[in-house]
Amino acid sequence: MKQIFMAGIGASLLLTTASFMTHLPGVIPGRLLNSAVAQNPQKQQALKLVLAAEKQVLVKDEQGKQKVTWQALKGQAVVQPGDTLRYTLTGENTSDRTIKNLTLNQPIPKGMIYVLKSANFTGNAKISYSIDGARSFGENPTIKVTLPNGKVETKPAPANAYTHIRVQLPLVAAKTKVQVTYQTQVR
């Protein structure tokens, strides 16, 4: 059963990476793959995307202190409920031109809960989140909660409500890499 779950994660990683590609110039969306598209075969892809996953492993050092390490998930890796996974999306601008206004949408894989405040990007980027299947995004999503007295309050959305992460980059310089990481926990 756990091997099937990891196969699901692998498929999710593949599909997630493919979902990024639909927002890039020169990349054919999946719904158009059966169509004929004229392309310049000498034109190189401007952005190369790689999505990797790692499992958090707690080990003790020589002094007996607990230390966090990350183990790459490959092949038939096994995860358990409660395990923390770290996803790293790396984008490399392989072209000689700056890419402007790049948006990367990353779904939270099924069977996972986003670890709040774990998204990290070094550089000039805006990170926002969706709790409605990527229909809308906000920096701090909220939900409305009806209290026992009938009063409605707005509260921060719980971690299990998060469905997507969006990273908006004003520009990616030529021949450079950008990287975003975030963590999830296995349900």
Protein backbone atom coordinates (compact mmCIF):
# COMPACT_ATOMS: atom_id res chain seq x y z
CA MET A 1 0.00 0.00 0.00
CA LYS A 2 2.82 2.43 0.86
CA GLN A 3 4.54 1.63 -2.46
CA ILE A 4 1.32 2.52 -4.28
CA PHE A 5 1.21 5.76 -2.28
CA MET A 6 4.78 6.63 -3.36
CA ALA A 7 3.87 5.86 -6.97
CA GLY A 8 1.04 8.35 -6.51
CA ILE A 9 3.50 10.93 -5.20
CA GLY A 10 5.78 10.30 -8.17
CA ALA A 11 2.88 10.74 -10.57
CA SER A 12 1.84 13.88 -8.70
CA LEU A 13 5.38 15.28 -9.03
CA LEU A 14 5.35 14.59 -12.76
CA LEU A 15 1.91 16.13 -13.23
CA THR A 16 2.81 19.07 -11.02
CA THR A 17 5.89 19.83 -13.08
CA ALA A 18 3.80 19.56 -16.24
CA SER A 19 1.29 22.05 -14.81
CA PHE A 20 4.06 24.65 -14.56
CA MET A 21 4.88 24.19 -18.20
CA THR A 22 1.46 25.34 -19.35
CA HIS A 23 2.35 28.86 -18.27
CA LEU A 24 5.58 29.09 -20.22
CA PRO A 25 5.99 30.50 -23.71
CA GLY A 26 6.89 27.83 -26.25
CA VAL A 27 5.49 24.94 -24.18
CA ILE A 28 2.45 23.10 -25.49
CA PRO A 29 -0.35 22.60 -22.92
CA GLY A 30 -1.41 18.97 -22.40
CA ARG A 31 -4.84 19.59 -23.92
CA LEU A 32 -3.15 20.56 -27.22
CA LEU A 33 -0.73 17.65 -27.48
CA ASN A 34 -2.80 15.99 -30.22
CA SER A 35 -2.76 19.16 -32.32
CA ALA A 36 -0.16 20.03 -34.90
CA VAL A 37 1.91 23.03 -33.84
CA ALA A 38 4.49 24.76 -36.02
CA GLN A 39 7.72 25.42 -34.13
CA ASN A 40 11.20 26.59 -34.87
CA PRO A 41 13.30 23.48 -34.11
CA GLN A 42 16.37 25.64 -33.46
CA LYS A 43 14.64 27.64 -30.73
CA GLN A 44 15.75 26.42 -27.31
CA GLN A 45 13.51 26.19 -24.25
CA ALA A 46 13.85 29.34 -22.17
CA LEU A 47 13.12 27.75 -18.79
CA LYS A 48 14.08 24.32 -17.52
CA LEU A 49 12.08 23.18 -14.47
CA VAL A 50 13.05 20.40 -12.06
CA LEU A 51 10.92 19.30 -9.12
CA ALA A 52 12.55 17.17 -6.40
CA ALA A 53 11.22 15.72 -3.14
CA GLU A 54 13.02 14.82 0.05
CA LYS A 55 11.88 13.15 3.27
CA GLN A 56 12.82 14.62 6.64
CA VAL A 57 14.94 12.25 8.73
CA LEU A 58 15.76 12.95 12.37
CA VAL A 59 19.15 11.64 13.55
CA LYS A 60 21.18 12.11 16.72
CA ASP A 61 24.68 13.56 16.55
CA GLU A 62 27.66 12.53 18.73
CA GLN A 63 26.39 14.70 21.61
CA GLY A 64 22.94 13.05 21.45
CA LYS A 65 21.24 16.14 20.03
CA GLN A 66 18.55 15.60 17.44
CA LYS A 67 19.48 16.87 13.97
CA VAL A 68 17.27 17.26 10.88
CA THR A 69 18.56 15.82 7.61
CA TRP A 70 16.81 15.36 4.24
CA GLN A 71 16.79 12.12 2.24
CA ALA A 72 16.04 12.28 -1.50
CA LEU A 73 12.92 10.34 -2.52
CA LYS A 74 13.76 8.02 -5.38
CA GLY A 75 12.17 4.92 -6.85
CA GLN A 76 9.98 3.01 -4.40
CA ALA A 77 10.56 5.27 -1.37
CA VAL A 78 8.28 4.63 1.60
CA VAL A 79 6.62 7.38 3.62
CA GLN A 80 4.41 7.10 6.66
CA PRO A 81 1.55 9.29 7.92
CA GLY A 82 3.12 12.21 9.76
CA ASP A 83 6.34 12.23 7.69
CA THR A 84 7.46 15.65 6.46
CA LEU A 85 8.44 16.05 2.83
CA ARG A 86 10.31 19.00 1.33
CA TYR A 87 9.71 19.89 -2.31
CA THR A 88 12.26 21.94 -4.23
CA LEU A 89 11.35 23.51 -7.55
CA THR A 90 14.36 24.77 -9.49
CA GLY A 91 13.94 26.88 -12.60
CA GLU A 92 16.91 27.56 -14.86
CA ASN A 93 16.76 30.29 -17.49
CA THR A 94 18.91 28.69 -20.17
CA SER A 95 18.38 31.49 -22.66
CA ASP A 96 20.34 34.67 -23.30
CA ARG A 97 17.31 36.80 -22.45
CA THR A 98 15.65 37.84 -19.21
CA ILE A 99 12.30 36.16 -18.51
CA LYS A 100 9.81 38.72 -17.21
CA ASN A 101 6.72 38.19 -15.05
CA LEU A 102 7.11 34.45 -14.51
CA THR A 103 4.36 32.76 -12.48
CA LEU A 104 4.77 29.24 -11.10
CA ASN A 105 1.72 27.45 -9.65
CA GLN A 106 2.43 24.40 -7.51
CA PRO A 107 -0.46 22.20 -6.32
CA ILE A 108 -0.19 20.61 -2.89
CA PRO A 109 -0.15 16.86 -3.68
CA LYS A 110 -3.17 14.80 -2.66
CA GLY A 111 -2.67 13.07 0.66
CA MET A 112 -0.49 15.94 1.90
CA ILE A 113 -1.02 18.92 4.18
CA TYR A 114 0.96 22.11 3.59
CA VAL A 115 3.29 23.05 6.46
CA LEU A 116 2.37 26.67 7.19
CA LYS A 117 5.09 29.29 6.58
CA SER A 118 7.45 26.69 5.06
CA ALA A 119 7.55 28.20 1.55
CA ASN A 120 10.90 29.85 0.97
CA PHE A 121 12.36 31.75 -1.93
CA THR A 122 15.55 33.74 -1.91
CA GLY A 123 15.33 36.82 -4.06
CA ASN A 124 12.60 39.10 -5.27
CA ALA A 125 9.43 37.02 -5.45
CA LYS A 126 5.88 37.14 -4.19
CA ILE A 127 4.52 33.94 -2.66
CA SER A 128 0.76 33.50 -2.35
CA TYR A 129 -1.57 30.60 -1.59
CA SER A 130 -4.90 29.20 -2.71
CA ILE A 131 -7.49 27.39 -0.61
CA ASP A 132 -10.01 27.04 -3.46
CA GLY A 133 -8.27 24.89 -6.06
CA ALA A 134 -6.27 27.77 -7.64
CA ARG A 135 -9.28 29.96 -8.46
CA SER A 136 -7.92 32.73 -6.22
CA PHE A 137 -4.68 33.43 -4.35
CA GLY A 138 -3.74 35.50 -1.30
CA GLU A 139 -0.71 36.00 0.91
CA ASN A 140 -2.66 34.99 4.03
CA PRO A 141 -5.81 33.05 3.07
CA THR A 142 -8.75 33.29 5.46
CA ILE A 143 -11.98 31.42 6.05
CA LYS A 144 -15.27 32.50 7.61
CA VAL A 145 -16.30 30.58 10.73
CA THR A 146 -19.77 30.68 12.29
CA LEU A 147 -19.55 30.71 16.08
CA PRO A 148 -22.12 28.98 18.34
CA ASN A 149 -23.79 32.36 18.98
CA GLY A 150 -24.32 32.81 15.20
CA LYS A 151 -21.66 35.48 14.79
CA VAL A 152 -19.39 35.03 11.74
CA GLU A 153 -15.65 35.61 12.18
CA THR A 154 -12.82 35.62 9.69
CA LYS A 155 -9.90 33.41 10.73
CA PRO A 156 -6.64 32.28 9.12
CA ALA A 157 -7.20 29.24 6.89
CA PRO A 158 -5.98 25.98 8.46
CA ALA A 159 -3.05 24.17 6.87
CA ASN A 160 -5.27 21.38 5.51
CA ALA A 161 -7.25 23.94 3.46
CA TYR A 162 -4.25 24.97 1.31
CA THR A 163 -4.46 23.60 -2.26
CA HIS A 164 -1.76 25.54 -4.19
CA ILE A 165 1.31 27.72 -3.84
CA ARG A 166 2.01 30.50 -6.37
CA VAL A 167 5.41 32.13 -6.86
CA GLN A 168 5.48 35.30 -8.96
CA LEU A 169 8.88 36.45 -10.18
CA PRO A 170 9.19 39.90 -11.79
CA LEU A 171 12.24 38.67 -13.73
CA VAL A 172 14.65 35.80 -14.07
CA ALA A 173 17.99 36.93 -15.50
CA ALA A 174 19.58 35.09 -18.42
CA LYS A 175 21.66 32.03 -17.52
CA THR A 176 20.52 31.99 -13.87
CA LYS A 177 18.63 29.61 -11.57
CA VAL A 178 15.79 30.31 -9.15
CA GLN A 179 14.58 27.96 -6.46
CA VAL A 180 11.53 27.69 -4.21
CA THR A 181 11.07 25.14 -1.43
CA TYR A 182 8.08 24.19 0.68
CA GLN A 183 7.12 21.39 3.02
CA THR A 184 4.14 19.11 3.36
CA GLN A 185 3.16 16.47 5.87
CA VAL A 186 1.76 13.07 4.92
CA ARG A 187 -1.88 12.71 6.12
